[in-house]
Amino acid sequence: MCKHKYILLVLLAFILSACQSGFEKPEGKTVFRYNESAGITSLDPAFARDQANIWATNQIFNGLVQLDDKLLVQAALAKSWEVLDSGRTYIFYLRNDVYFHNNACFKDSIGRKMLATDVEYSLKRILDIKTLSPGAVWLSNLLQKDSNEQYAIKTINDSMVSIKLKQAFSPFLGRLSMQYFSIIPEEAVKLYGKDFARHPVGTGPFYFKLWKEGVKLVLLKNENYFEYDSLGQLPHLDAVAISFIIDKQSVFLEFVKGNVDFISGIDPSYKDELLQGDGSLNPKYNGKFKLLSNPYLNTEYLGIMVEDIEIMKDSPLRLRKIRQAINYSFDRKKMMRYLRNNIGIAGNYGFVPVGMPGFEGGVTKGYNYNPDKARQLLSEAGFSNGIGMPKITLSTTAAYLDICKYIQQQAEQVGISMEVDVNQAAALRQMIANSKMPFFRGSWIADYADPENYLALFYSPNFCPAGANYTHYSNVEYDRMYEQARGETDFQKRLELYRKMDQMIMNDAPVVVLYYDKVLRFVQNNVNGLGINSMNLLVLKNIVKTNP
């Protein structure tokens, strides 16, 4: 038995032992340990829809391109690309040093070289209706079809592949960075069928070794990985071990004991233990672990149906001045301080979050707390001091009840009569998607790092239920700018259009922006190289872990 294989077997034995006895670690081996309370449902990137699946598949697979921590598109399996035909044709030039993980699906179980045919197969598999991938919608409406009604993804030679679009779409590379579009070998899908979701084979920095449902997922170092950093070949870790403990308080206690290497986000059960009122780390933990924070591409908002449909009959929310008055009626900064421990940024800007490239620091003029302005707008709308204004109902879930109650109380002080209706999350989502909620709390987390992903929510052809325009906002000039921006190849010109559109949304007020979320990561002091980004992607290949 070769030395390399022996070391891996020893490492796996240690990790398997840890699966049975808690969070113990193999001596002398660098194993990065994190918990996934929500569980993982699939390791097939075709179904990498939620964060848990995205994080895991991001360690096993690569796409043609990837995002850096500034959310800029960088080369991955494609070393370079050309954009031709006025933005309608992309030619990708592939690396020639990338190999799939060793697996029984290959001859002699030795991973073969990744080729352009793998790119064509992987993308067409996502688009195949038989796959039922939720990622299909992100490509199908963009790609050109040939005379045989086949999507225009073509292998040119072993290291070149072309993709043709129906029309120019400037955020295309950003969409390709989504985990759905990872490159996989056809042999693995043929061998495992639907069980590919539990036997993933990719090109990523770690390869799949073990998944004991409800207990542990184990990934081991890919010794043949193609990427390097200043310290040498990646990855620097020997393994990744993911546990599935549901109780977040228990996970927090294990983290404090040093048995988990990082936790993401913050649960109410330990929020006040970890953070001070200003959002900084509790001094008692200084020197024990690190707090990393970054703006998150997640806008929390209140949505308002603005189309004149039956449920809006006689509703004061049809009036723009009433919607603007609500925006002025409450103090977002105070809300963040007392209800969120300043986790996030007060939503005083536009709908596009402040962590988005080109929108850093807030460039759109939104709404500040101004109760006098709110009263003035009410009066101009015909409801001086709120007299004669029908009560409006804000629909939310229990998780956001405190914030909605806060808004209700402050709005009533300027004369806006409001009640809060609490719904089950699934029921509320369904009602919103079917245009049955006049006034609701919502959130939008970026699918890819481009403002278009947010501004599409107000493009009139995207009316729900077919699209995500939940407010049924419609403006001819907005639609014109949106369509122009989609095909604009000059980033600065596109950004100028995006900013104008964002300002238009704020002026017309189909939404009330509450806050822009933050990514929080608590990391053990002996872990270095864990980055942080506004998409909350988890990248483990650069981590260096030392003995505590």
Protein backbone atom coordinates (compact mmCIF):
# COMPACT_ATOMS: atom_id res chain seq x y z
CA MET A 1 0.00 0.00 0.00
CA CYS A 2 1.42 3.41 -0.95
CA LYS A 3 2.32 5.86 1.82
CA HIS A 4 -0.26 8.43 0.66
CA LYS A 5 -3.11 5.92 0.79
CA TYR A 6 -2.01 4.68 4.21
CA ILE A 7 -2.04 8.22 5.65
CA LEU A 8 -5.57 8.79 4.34
CA LEU A 9 -6.81 5.55 5.87
CA VAL A 10 -5.34 6.48 9.24
CA LEU A 11 -6.88 9.94 9.03
CA LEU A 12 -10.28 8.52 8.13
CA ALA A 13 -10.08 6.07 11.03
CA PHE A 14 -9.50 8.95 13.42
CA ILE A 15 -12.41 10.94 12.00
CA LEU A 16 -14.74 7.96 12.09
CA SER A 17 -13.82 7.48 15.71
CA ALA A 18 -14.68 11.12 16.34
CA CYS A 19 -18.08 10.54 14.73
CA GLN A 20 -18.88 8.12 17.52
CA SER A 21 -17.38 10.07 20.41
CA GLY A 22 -18.26 13.70 19.73
CA PHE A 23 -15.94 16.41 18.54
CA GLU A 24 -12.56 14.77 19.18
CA LYS A 25 -9.85 15.42 16.60
CA PRO A 26 -7.13 13.18 15.15
CA GLU A 27 -3.72 14.11 16.56
CA GLY A 28 -1.33 15.74 14.12
CA LYS A 29 -3.97 16.18 11.43
CA THR A 30 -5.67 19.45 10.54
CA VAL A 31 -9.40 18.81 10.44
CA PHE A 32 -11.71 21.80 10.07
CA ARG A 33 -14.93 21.17 11.98
CA TYR A 34 -18.20 23.01 11.57
CA ASN A 35 -21.82 22.21 12.28
CA GLU A 36 -24.79 22.36 9.93
CA SER A 37 -27.93 22.50 12.07
CA ALA A 38 -30.23 22.65 9.04
CA GLY A 39 -28.76 19.44 7.63
CA ILE A 40 -27.64 18.73 4.08
CA THR A 41 -30.11 17.22 1.62
CA SER A 42 -27.91 16.69 -1.44
CA LEU A 43 -24.28 16.88 -2.57
CA ASP A 44 -25.32 17.14 -6.22
CA PRO A 45 -24.63 20.74 -7.30
CA ALA A 46 -27.74 20.58 -9.48
CA PHE A 47 -29.68 20.96 -6.22
CA ALA A 48 -27.40 23.44 -4.41
CA ARG A 49 -30.26 25.78 -3.63
CA ASP A 50 -29.87 26.53 0.07
CA GLN A 51 -26.85 27.59 2.08
CA ALA A 52 -26.15 24.20 3.66
CA ASN A 53 -25.93 22.44 0.28
CA ILE A 54 -24.03 25.34 -1.33
CA TRP A 55 -21.37 25.35 1.39
CA ALA A 56 -20.74 21.62 1.11
CA THR A 57 -20.72 21.44 -2.69
CA ASN A 58 -18.39 24.44 -2.86
CA GLN A 59 -15.66 22.29 -1.29
CA ILE A 60 -16.15 19.36 -3.71
CA PHE A 61 -16.72 21.05 -7.07
CA ASN A 62 -15.52 23.91 -9.26
CA GLY A 63 -17.27 25.94 -11.92
CA LEU A 64 -15.88 27.71 -14.94
CA VAL A 65 -15.51 30.88 -12.86
CA GLN A 66 -15.54 31.78 -9.18
CA LEU A 67 -15.98 34.88 -7.02
CA ASP A 68 -13.26 36.36 -4.81
CA ASP A 69 -14.01 37.97 -1.45
CA LYS A 70 -14.73 41.26 -3.23
CA LEU A 71 -17.29 39.41 -5.37
CA LEU A 72 -15.29 39.96 -8.54
CA VAL A 73 -15.40 37.16 -11.12
CA GLN A 74 -12.13 35.21 -11.29
CA ALA A 75 -10.90 32.28 -13.34
CA ALA A 76 -11.50 28.75 -12.06
CA LEU A 77 -11.76 25.79 -14.46
CA ALA A 78 -11.70 28.33 -17.27
CA LYS A 79 -8.30 30.04 -17.30
CA SER A 80 -9.67 32.79 -19.58
CA TRP A 81 -12.56 33.69 -21.85
CA GLU A 82 -13.56 35.90 -24.76
CA VAL A 83 -16.83 37.75 -25.26
CA LEU A 84 -17.78 38.08 -28.92
CA ASP A 85 -20.74 38.98 -31.12
CA SER A 86 -21.64 42.11 -29.12
CA GLY A 87 -21.89 40.15 -25.89
CA ARG A 88 -23.87 37.20 -27.24
CA THR A 89 -21.08 34.60 -27.53
CA TYR A 90 -18.68 33.43 -24.82
CA ILE A 91 -15.63 31.29 -25.59
CA PHE A 92 -14.08 29.64 -22.52
CA TYR A 93 -10.47 28.38 -22.56
CA LEU A 94 -10.06 25.59 -20.01
CA ARG A 95 -7.12 24.70 -17.81
CA ASN A 96 -5.26 21.55 -18.86
CA ASP A 97 -4.15 20.52 -15.36
CA VAL A 98 -7.50 19.69 -13.76
CA TYR A 99 -8.47 16.12 -12.83
CA PHE A 100 -11.61 14.65 -11.35
CA HIS A 101 -11.36 12.94 -7.97
CA ASN A 102 -10.39 9.29 -7.95
CA ASN A 103 -13.56 7.23 -8.05
CA ALA A 104 -14.92 3.84 -9.08
CA CYS A 105 -16.72 5.48 -12.00
CA PHE A 106 -13.37 5.80 -13.81
CA LYS A 107 -11.04 3.17 -15.27
CA ASP A 108 -8.90 1.72 -12.47
CA SER A 109 -10.66 4.19 -10.14
CA ILE A 110 -8.21 6.92 -11.21
CA GLY A 111 -9.68 10.36 -11.85
CA ARG A 112 -9.34 11.50 -15.44
CA LYS A 113 -8.60 14.91 -16.92
CA MET A 114 -11.47 17.41 -17.07
CA LEU A 115 -12.40 18.28 -20.69
CA ALA A 116 -14.66 20.66 -22.59
CA THR A 117 -17.15 17.81 -23.11
CA ASP A 118 -17.60 17.75 -19.32
CA VAL A 119 -18.59 21.41 -19.38
CA GLU A 120 -21.10 20.80 -22.15
CA TYR A 121 -22.52 17.76 -20.36
CA SER A 122 -22.78 19.47 -16.97
CA LEU A 123 -24.57 22.58 -18.20
CA LYS A 124 -26.95 20.64 -20.45
CA ARG A 125 -27.74 18.30 -17.56
CA ILE A 126 -28.89 21.28 -15.49
CA LEU A 127 -31.07 22.45 -18.39
CA ASP A 128 -32.58 18.99 -18.96
CA ILE A 129 -36.13 19.03 -17.56
CA LYS A 130 -35.63 15.42 -16.41
CA THR A 131 -32.97 16.61 -13.95
CA LEU A 132 -35.49 18.92 -12.24
CA SER A 133 -32.72 21.27 -11.16
CA PRO A 134 -33.84 24.59 -9.65
CA GLY A 135 -30.78 26.05 -11.36
CA ALA A 136 -32.23 25.57 -14.86
CA VAL A 137 -34.20 28.81 -14.75
CA TRP A 138 -30.98 30.81 -14.35
CA LEU A 139 -29.73 29.64 -17.77
CA SER A 140 -32.70 28.53 -19.85
CA ASN A 141 -34.09 32.02 -20.40
CA LEU A 142 -30.68 33.30 -21.57
CA LEU A 143 -29.36 30.67 -23.97
CA GLN A 144 -29.86 30.51 -27.70
CA LYS A 145 -31.14 27.29 -29.25
CA ASP A 146 -29.99 25.75 -32.52
CA SER A 147 -32.14 24.43 -35.36
CA ASN A 148 -32.68 21.18 -33.42
CA GLU A 149 -33.96 23.10 -30.39
CA GLN A 150 -30.78 22.23 -28.49
CA TYR A 151 -29.17 24.82 -26.23
CA ALA A 152 -26.14 26.45 -27.87
CA ILE A 153 -23.42 25.01 -25.64
CA LYS A 154 -20.78 23.48 -27.91
CA THR A 155 -17.44 21.74 -27.44
CA ILE A 156 -14.89 23.26 -29.83
CA ASN A 157 -11.98 21.04 -28.79
CA ASP A 158 -10.75 19.44 -25.56
CA SER A 159 -9.96 22.80 -23.97
CA MET A 160 -12.47 25.18 -25.59
CA VAL A 161 -16.23 25.49 -25.22
CA SER A 162 -18.65 28.10 -26.56
CA ILE A 163 -21.93 29.34 -25.10
CA LYS A 164 -24.30 31.50 -27.14
CA LEU A 165 -26.94 33.77 -25.64
CA LYS A 166 -30.19 34.96 -27.22
CA GLN A 167 -29.13 38.50 -26.44
CA ALA A 168 -26.36 40.17 -24.47
CA PHE A 169 -26.67 39.71 -20.70
CA SER A 170 -23.88 41.44 -18.83
CA PRO A 171 -24.27 39.58 -15.48
CA PHE A 172 -23.82 36.22 -17.27
CA LEU A 173 -20.45 35.38 -15.70
CA GLY A 174 -21.86 36.16 -12.27
CA ARG A 175 -24.66 33.67 -12.89
CA LEU A 176 -22.14 31.03 -13.99
CA SER A 177 -20.45 31.35 -10.58
CA MET A 178 -23.52 29.81 -8.92
CA GLN A 179 -22.92 26.30 -7.55
CA TYR A 180 -25.56 24.84 -9.85
CA PHE A 181 -23.12 25.19 -12.73
CA SER A 182 -20.28 23.14 -11.25
CA ILE A 183 -18.59 20.72 -13.63
CA ILE A 184 -19.12 16.99 -13.09
CA PRO A 185 -18.17 13.80 -15.00
CA GLU A 186 -20.90 11.96 -16.90
CA GLU A 187 -19.43 8.61 -15.81
CA ALA A 188 -20.35 9.32 -12.18
CA VAL A 189 -23.97 10.13 -13.01
CA LYS A 190 -24.22 6.98 -15.15
CA LEU A 191 -22.81 4.82 -12.35
CA TYR A 192 -24.68 6.28 -9.39
CA GLY A 193 -27.84 7.66 -11.02
CA LYS A 194 -29.89 9.60 -8.48
CA ASP A 195 -27.45 8.43 -5.81
CA PHE A 196 -24.89 10.82 -7.30
CA ALA A 197 -26.31 13.17 -4.65
CA ARG A 198 -24.67 10.89 -2.06
CA HIS A 199 -21.61 9.92 -4.12
CA PRO A 200 -20.38 13.24 -5.54
CA VAL A 201 -17.36 13.37 -7.85
CA GLY A 202 -15.85 16.72 -8.70
CA THR A 203 -12.58 18.58 -9.19
CA GLY A 204 -12.64 20.58 -5.95
CA PRO A 205 -10.09 20.95 -3.14
CA PHE A 206 -11.73 18.18 -1.09
CA TYR A 207 -13.22 14.86 -2.13
CA PHE A 208 -16.14 13.00 -0.62
CA LYS A 209 -15.36 10.17 1.81
CA LEU A 210 -18.25 9.57 4.21
CA TRP A 211 -21.77 10.74 4.91
CA LYS A 212 -23.39 9.26 7.99
CA GLU A 213 -26.79 10.89 7.93
CA GLY A 214 -27.57 12.97 10.98
CA VAL A 215 -24.07 12.44 12.38
CA LYS A 216 -21.17 13.52 10.19
CA LEU A 217 -20.05 14.33 6.65
CA VAL A 218 -16.34 13.83 5.96
CA LEU A 219 -14.33 15.33 3.11
CA LEU A 220 -10.63 14.62 2.59
CA LYS A 221 -7.85 16.64 0.99
CA ASN A 222 -7.52 16.39 -2.79
CA GLU A 223 -3.78 15.87 -3.29
CA ASN A 224 -4.13 16.57 -7.03
CA TYR A 225 -5.86 19.93 -6.70
CA PHE A 226 -4.81 22.52 -9.28
CA GLU A 227 -4.86 25.81 -7.34
CA TYR A 228 -2.02 27.40 -5.34
CA ASP A 229 -1.70 30.38 -3.04
CA SER A 230 1.36 32.11 -1.55
CA LEU A 231 1.84 29.20 0.88
CA GLY A 232 1.80 26.51 -1.80
CA GLN A 233 -0.61 23.97 -3.20
CA LEU A 234 -4.18 24.10 -1.94
CA PRO A 235 -5.86 22.97 0.21
CA HIS A 236 -3.84 23.32 3.42
CA LEU A 237 -6.26 21.28 5.55
CA ASP A 238 -6.21 17.49 5.71
CA ALA A 239 -9.96 17.12 6.09
CA VAL A 240 -13.31 18.78 6.70
CA ALA A 241 -15.78 17.28 9.18
CA ILE A 242 -19.36 18.56 9.23
CA SER A 243 -21.64 17.60 12.11
CA PHE A 244 -25.44 17.88 12.18
CA ILE A 245 -26.38 18.87 15.73
CA ILE A 246 -29.78 20.56 15.61
CA ASP A 247 -29.62 22.43 18.93
CA LYS A 248 -27.66 25.64 18.28
CA GLN A 249 -27.05 26.26 21.97
CA SER A 250 -25.24 22.92 22.19
CA VAL A 251 -23.12 23.82 19.17
CA PHE A 252 -22.24 27.16 20.76
CA LEU A 253 -21.08 25.43 23.93
CA GLU A 254 -18.89 23.08 21.87
CA PHE A 255 -17.45 26.10 20.07
CA VAL A 256 -16.58 27.80 23.37
CA LYS A 257 -14.82 24.57 24.43
CA GLY A 258 -12.82 24.62 21.18
CA ASN A 259 -14.48 21.55 19.68
CA VAL A 260 -15.96 23.41 16.70
CA ASP A 261 -13.77 25.68 14.58
CA PHE A 262 -16.33 28.26 13.52
CA ILE A 263 -19.97 29.21 13.79
CA SER A 264 -21.81 31.40 11.31
CA GLY A 265 -24.45 33.92 12.25
CA ILE A 266 -25.88 34.30 15.70
CA ASP A 267 -28.79 32.60 17.41
CA PRO A 268 -30.99 34.51 19.89
CA SER A 269 -30.11 31.92 22.54
CA TYR A 270 -26.54 33.23 22.78
CA LYS A 271 -26.71 36.64 21.08
CA ASP A 272 -26.31 38.66 24.27
CA GLU A 273 -23.60 36.33 25.56
CA LEU A 274 -21.40 36.85 22.50
CA LEU A 275 -22.12 40.44 21.51
CA GLN A 276 -22.32 43.80 23.17
CA GLY A 277 -25.10 46.25 22.32
CA ASP A 278 -22.99 47.90 19.63
CA GLY A 279 -22.39 44.58 17.87
CA SER A 280 -18.80 44.11 19.02
CA LEU A 281 -17.47 40.94 20.62
CA ASN A 282 -18.03 40.50 24.35
CA PRO A 283 -14.65 41.42 25.96
CA LYS A 284 -14.66 38.18 27.98
CA TYR A 285 -13.96 36.32 24.72
CA ASN A 286 -11.16 38.56 23.47
CA GLY A 287 -8.11 36.40 22.82
CA LYS A 288 -10.22 33.22 22.77
CA PHE A 289 -11.68 33.53 19.29
CA LYS A 290 -12.18 36.06 16.49
CA LEU A 291 -15.24 37.84 15.15
CA LEU A 292 -15.35 38.45 11.39
CA SER A 293 -18.12 40.65 10.01
CA ASN A 294 -19.03 41.90 6.57
CA PRO A 295 -22.06 43.38 4.80
CA TYR A 296 -24.34 40.62 3.54
CA LEU A 297 -26.24 40.75 0.26
CA ASN A 298 -29.56 40.40 2.05
CA THR A 299 -32.11 43.21 2.09
CA GLU A 300 -34.85 42.94 4.71
CA TYR A 301 -37.90 44.96 3.73
CA LEU A 302 -41.64 45.49 3.83
CA GLY A 303 -43.33 44.95 0.47
CA ILE A 304 -46.45 46.80 -0.64
CA MET A 305 -48.77 45.68 -3.43
CA VAL A 306 -49.08 48.72 -5.71
CA GLU A 307 -51.23 47.33 -8.53
CA ASP A 308 -54.90 48.31 -8.47
CA ILE A 309 -56.31 44.82 -7.87
CA GLU A 310 -59.23 43.65 -5.75
CA ILE A 311 -57.30 43.24 -2.48
CA MET A 312 -56.10 46.86 -2.77
CA LYS A 313 -59.57 48.32 -3.24
CA ASP A 314 -59.95 51.31 -0.89
CA SER A 315 -56.48 50.66 0.60
CA PRO A 316 -54.52 53.83 1.45
CA LEU A 317 -51.38 51.94 0.43
CA ARG A 318 -52.31 52.64 -3.20
CA LEU A 319 -51.20 56.22 -2.56
CA ARG A 320 -47.49 56.91 -2.98
CA LYS A 321 -47.51 59.57 -0.25
CA ILE A 322 -48.84 57.05 2.27
CA ARG A 323 -46.07 54.61 1.35
CA GLN A 324 -43.51 57.39 1.69
CA ALA A 325 -44.99 58.39 5.05
CA ILE A 326 -44.50 54.85 6.37
CA ASN A 327 -40.87 55.05 5.24
CA TYR A 328 -40.32 58.24 7.23
CA SER A 329 -42.29 57.14 10.30
CA PHE A 330 -39.80 54.94 12.19
CA ASP A 331 -36.21 55.19 13.39
CA ARG A 332 -34.22 52.42 11.70
CA LYS A 333 -30.99 53.13 13.58
CA LYS A 334 -32.74 52.83 16.93
CA MET A 335 -34.41 49.64 15.71
CA MET A 336 -31.01 48.15 14.83
CA ARG A 337 -29.47 49.15 18.15
CA TYR A 338 -32.17 47.76 20.43
CA LEU A 339 -33.57 44.85 18.44
CA ARG A 340 -30.57 43.66 16.42
CA ASN A 341 -27.50 44.50 18.57
CA ASN A 342 -26.42 46.54 15.53
CA ILE A 343 -26.10 43.35 13.48
CA GLY A 344 -26.70 44.88 10.09
CA ILE A 345 -26.89 48.35 8.58
CA ALA A 346 -29.97 50.54 8.90
CA GLY A 347 -31.90 50.59 5.61
CA ASN A 348 -31.60 54.31 4.91
CA TYR A 349 -30.47 53.82 1.31
CA GLY A 350 -31.85 51.86 -1.64
CA PHE A 351 -33.18 48.36 -2.21
CA VAL A 352 -29.81 47.17 -3.54
CA PRO A 353 -27.79 46.33 -0.40
CA VAL A 354 -24.72 48.35 0.56
CA GLY A 355 -22.44 45.29 0.23
CA MET A 356 -23.06 45.08 -3.52
CA PRO A 357 -20.12 46.12 -5.75
CA GLY A 358 -20.85 49.66 -6.92
CA PHE A 359 -23.22 50.35 -4.02
CA GLU A 360 -20.69 50.28 -1.17
CA GLY A 361 -21.46 52.76 1.58
CA GLY A 362 -24.93 53.50 0.24
CA VAL A 363 -25.25 55.63 -2.89
CA THR A 364 -29.04 55.74 -3.20
CA LYS A 365 -31.01 58.34 -1.25
CA GLY A 366 -33.49 56.48 0.87
CA TYR A 367 -35.46 57.49 3.96
CA ASN A 368 -34.31 58.74 7.36
CA TYR A 369 -36.48 59.04 10.45
CA ASN A 370 -38.57 62.19 10.01
CA PRO A 371 -41.95 62.05 11.80
CA ASP A 372 -42.82 65.62 10.79
CA LYS A 373 -42.33 64.74 7.12
CA ALA A 374 -44.48 61.64 7.62
CA ARG A 375 -47.30 63.76 9.10
CA GLN A 376 -47.01 66.25 6.24
CA LEU A 377 -47.33 63.48 3.65
CA LEU A 378 -50.37 62.05 5.45
CA SER A 379 -52.00 65.48 5.34
CA GLU A 380 -51.18 65.90 1.63
CA ALA A 381 -52.75 62.49 0.99
CA GLY A 382 -55.98 63.69 2.63
CA PHE A 383 -55.54 62.13 6.06
CA SER A 384 -54.44 64.97 8.35
CA ASN A 385 -53.20 63.43 11.62
CA GLY A 386 -54.39 60.10 10.23
CA ILE A 387 -58.06 61.06 10.54
CA GLY A 388 -60.20 58.98 8.20
CA MET A 389 -57.34 56.71 7.13
CA PRO A 390 -58.33 53.01 7.15
CA LYS A 391 -56.23 50.69 9.28
CA ILE A 392 -53.59 48.75 7.38
CA THR A 393 -52.42 45.21 8.17
CA LEU A 394 -48.76 44.19 8.10
CA SER A 395 -48.27 40.43 7.62
CA THR A 396 -45.16 38.79 9.04
CA THR A 397 -43.83 35.67 10.76
CA ALA A 398 -43.05 35.15 14.44
CA ALA A 399 -39.32 35.60 13.81
CA TYR A 400 -39.86 39.24 12.82
CA LEU A 401 -42.71 40.09 15.18
CA ASP A 402 -40.56 42.34 17.39
CA ILE A 403 -39.44 44.47 14.43
CA CYS A 404 -42.95 44.73 13.00
CA LYS A 405 -44.40 45.69 16.40
CA TYR A 406 -41.73 48.38 16.70
CA ILE A 407 -42.71 49.81 13.29
CA GLN A 408 -46.39 49.61 14.23
CA GLN A 409 -45.86 51.61 17.43
CA GLN A 410 -43.78 54.32 15.76
CA ALA A 411 -46.11 54.59 12.75
CA GLU A 412 -49.11 55.07 15.01
CA GLN A 413 -47.36 58.05 16.65
CA VAL A 414 -47.59 59.95 13.36
CA GLY A 415 -51.19 58.88 12.69
CA ILE A 416 -50.81 55.66 10.69
CA SER A 417 -53.11 53.04 12.18
CA MET A 418 -51.54 49.60 11.74
CA GLU A 419 -52.07 46.06 12.99
CA VAL A 420 -49.61 43.16 12.76
CA ASP A 421 -50.78 39.74 11.57
CA VAL A 422 -48.51 36.75 12.35
CA ASN A 423 -48.44 33.87 9.84
CA GLN A 424 -46.65 30.58 9.39
CA ALA A 425 -43.61 31.13 7.15
CA ALA A 426 -44.71 28.69 4.43
CA ALA A 427 -48.24 30.10 4.32
CA LEU A 428 -46.96 33.67 4.13
CA ARG A 429 -44.59 32.82 1.27
CA GLN A 430 -47.42 31.21 -0.67
CA MET A 431 -49.76 34.16 -0.14
CA ILE A 432 -47.07 36.63 -1.25
CA ALA A 433 -46.23 34.56 -4.33
CA ASN A 434 -49.90 34.49 -5.31
CA SER A 435 -50.46 38.26 -4.92
CA LYS A 436 -52.71 37.88 -1.88
CA MET A 437 -50.77 40.02 0.60
CA PRO A 438 -51.17 43.81 0.41
CA PHE A 439 -48.44 44.58 2.98
CA PHE A 440 -45.84 42.02 4.05
CA ARG A 441 -42.37 41.54 5.46
CA GLY A 442 -39.92 40.00 3.03
CA SER A 443 -36.23 39.51 2.40
CA TRP A 444 -34.11 39.09 -0.70
CA ILE A 445 -30.78 37.28 -0.54
CA ALA A 446 -28.63 37.60 -3.66
CA ASP A 447 -28.48 34.60 -5.97
CA TYR A 448 -25.46 36.14 -7.69
CA ALA A 449 -23.44 39.30 -7.13
CA ASP A 450 -25.01 41.77 -9.53
CA PRO A 451 -27.53 44.57 -8.82
CA GLU A 452 -29.70 43.15 -11.60
CA ASN A 453 -30.64 40.32 -9.23
CA TYR A 454 -32.35 42.88 -6.95
CA LEU A 455 -33.71 45.25 -9.56
CA ALA A 456 -35.39 42.36 -11.42
CA LEU A 457 -37.94 42.34 -8.56
CA PHE A 458 -39.48 45.50 -10.01
CA TYR A 459 -39.40 44.65 -13.73
CA SER A 460 -43.04 44.45 -14.83
CA PRO A 461 -42.75 41.21 -16.92
CA ASN A 462 -41.67 39.54 -13.65
CA PHE A 463 -45.07 39.93 -11.94
CA CYS A 464 -45.69 37.06 -9.53
CA PRO A 465 -46.70 34.27 -9.59
CA ALA A 466 -44.60 33.78 -12.75
CA GLY A 467 -41.77 35.96 -11.42
CA ALA A 468 -40.53 37.63 -8.25
CA ASN A 469 -42.14 41.07 -8.68
CA TYR A 470 -44.20 40.59 -5.53
CA THR A 471 -45.30 44.26 -5.35
CA HIS A 472 -46.51 44.33 -8.99
CA TYR A 473 -44.56 47.54 -9.49
CA SER A 474 -44.81 48.75 -13.08
CA ASN A 475 -43.06 51.71 -14.66
CA VAL A 476 -42.36 52.02 -18.39
CA GLU A 477 -39.18 54.06 -17.89
CA TYR A 478 -37.90 51.62 -15.27
CA ASP A 479 -38.49 48.67 -17.62
CA ARG A 480 -36.66 50.49 -20.42
CA MET A 481 -33.61 51.13 -18.23
CA TYR A 482 -33.65 47.56 -16.93
CA GLU A 483 -33.60 46.14 -20.45
CA GLN A 484 -30.86 48.56 -21.48
CA ALA A 485 -28.71 47.64 -18.46
CA ARG A 486 -28.98 43.90 -19.12
CA GLY A 487 -27.17 44.29 -22.41
CA GLU A 488 -24.76 47.09 -21.48
CA THR A 489 -21.19 45.79 -21.56
CA ASP A 490 -19.60 48.92 -20.06
CA PHE A 491 -19.74 48.37 -16.29
CA GLN A 492 -19.76 52.07 -15.37
CA LYS A 493 -22.62 52.80 -17.77
CA ARG A 494 -24.52 49.80 -16.45
CA LEU A 495 -23.88 50.93 -12.88
CA GLU A 496 -25.25 54.38 -13.67
CA LEU A 497 -28.46 52.80 -14.96
CA TYR A 498 -28.70 50.54 -11.90
CA ARG A 499 -28.35 53.51 -9.56
CA LYS A 500 -31.06 55.47 -11.38
CA MET A 501 -33.39 52.48 -11.16
CA ASP A 502 -32.70 52.00 -7.46
CA GLN A 503 -33.48 55.67 -6.85
CA MET A 504 -36.72 55.36 -8.82
CA ILE A 505 -37.82 52.51 -6.56
CA MET A 506 -37.10 54.55 -3.45
CA ASN A 507 -39.06 57.51 -4.82
CA ASP A 508 -42.11 55.41 -5.74
CA ALA A 509 -41.84 53.39 -2.50
CA PRO A 510 -43.30 49.97 -3.33
CA VAL A 511 -41.02 48.80 -0.51
CA VAL A 512 -39.92 49.95 2.92
CA VAL A 513 -36.28 48.96 3.38
CA LEU A 514 -35.63 47.88 6.98
CA TYR A 515 -31.95 46.93 7.01
CA TYR A 516 -29.12 45.28 5.14
CA ASP A 517 -27.92 42.19 6.93
CA LYS A 518 -24.40 41.31 8.02
CA VAL A 519 -22.36 38.13 7.77
CA LEU A 520 -20.98 37.19 11.19
CA ARG A 521 -18.36 34.49 11.65
CA PHE A 522 -16.90 33.44 14.97
CA VAL A 523 -13.61 31.64 14.43
CA GLN A 524 -11.14 29.89 16.73
CA ASN A 525 -7.83 31.74 17.17
CA ASN A 526 -5.82 28.87 15.69
CA VAL A 527 -7.68 29.13 12.37
CA ASN A 528 -6.28 31.52 9.76
CA GLY A 529 -7.16 32.14 6.13
CA LEU A 530 -10.94 31.92 6.47
CA GLY A 531 -12.19 34.80 4.37
CA ILE A 532 -15.52 36.54 4.48
CA ASN A 533 -17.64 37.94 1.68
CA SER A 534 -21.01 39.54 1.04
CA MET A 535 -22.46 36.37 -0.52
CA ASN A 536 -21.64 34.39 2.65
CA LEU A 537 -19.88 31.75 0.56
CA LEU A 538 -17.77 29.33 2.59
CA VAL A 539 -14.30 28.80 1.12
CA LEU A 540 -12.10 26.38 3.08
CA LYS A 541 -9.24 25.72 0.66
CA ASN A 542 -7.05 28.58 1.97
CA ILE A 543 -7.43 27.79 5.67
CA VAL A 544 -4.34 27.10 7.76
CA LYS A 545 -5.06 25.54 11.13
CA THR A 546 -2.39 25.24 13.82
CA ASN A 547 -2.37 23.44 17.14
CA PRO A 548 -3.96 25.63 19.83
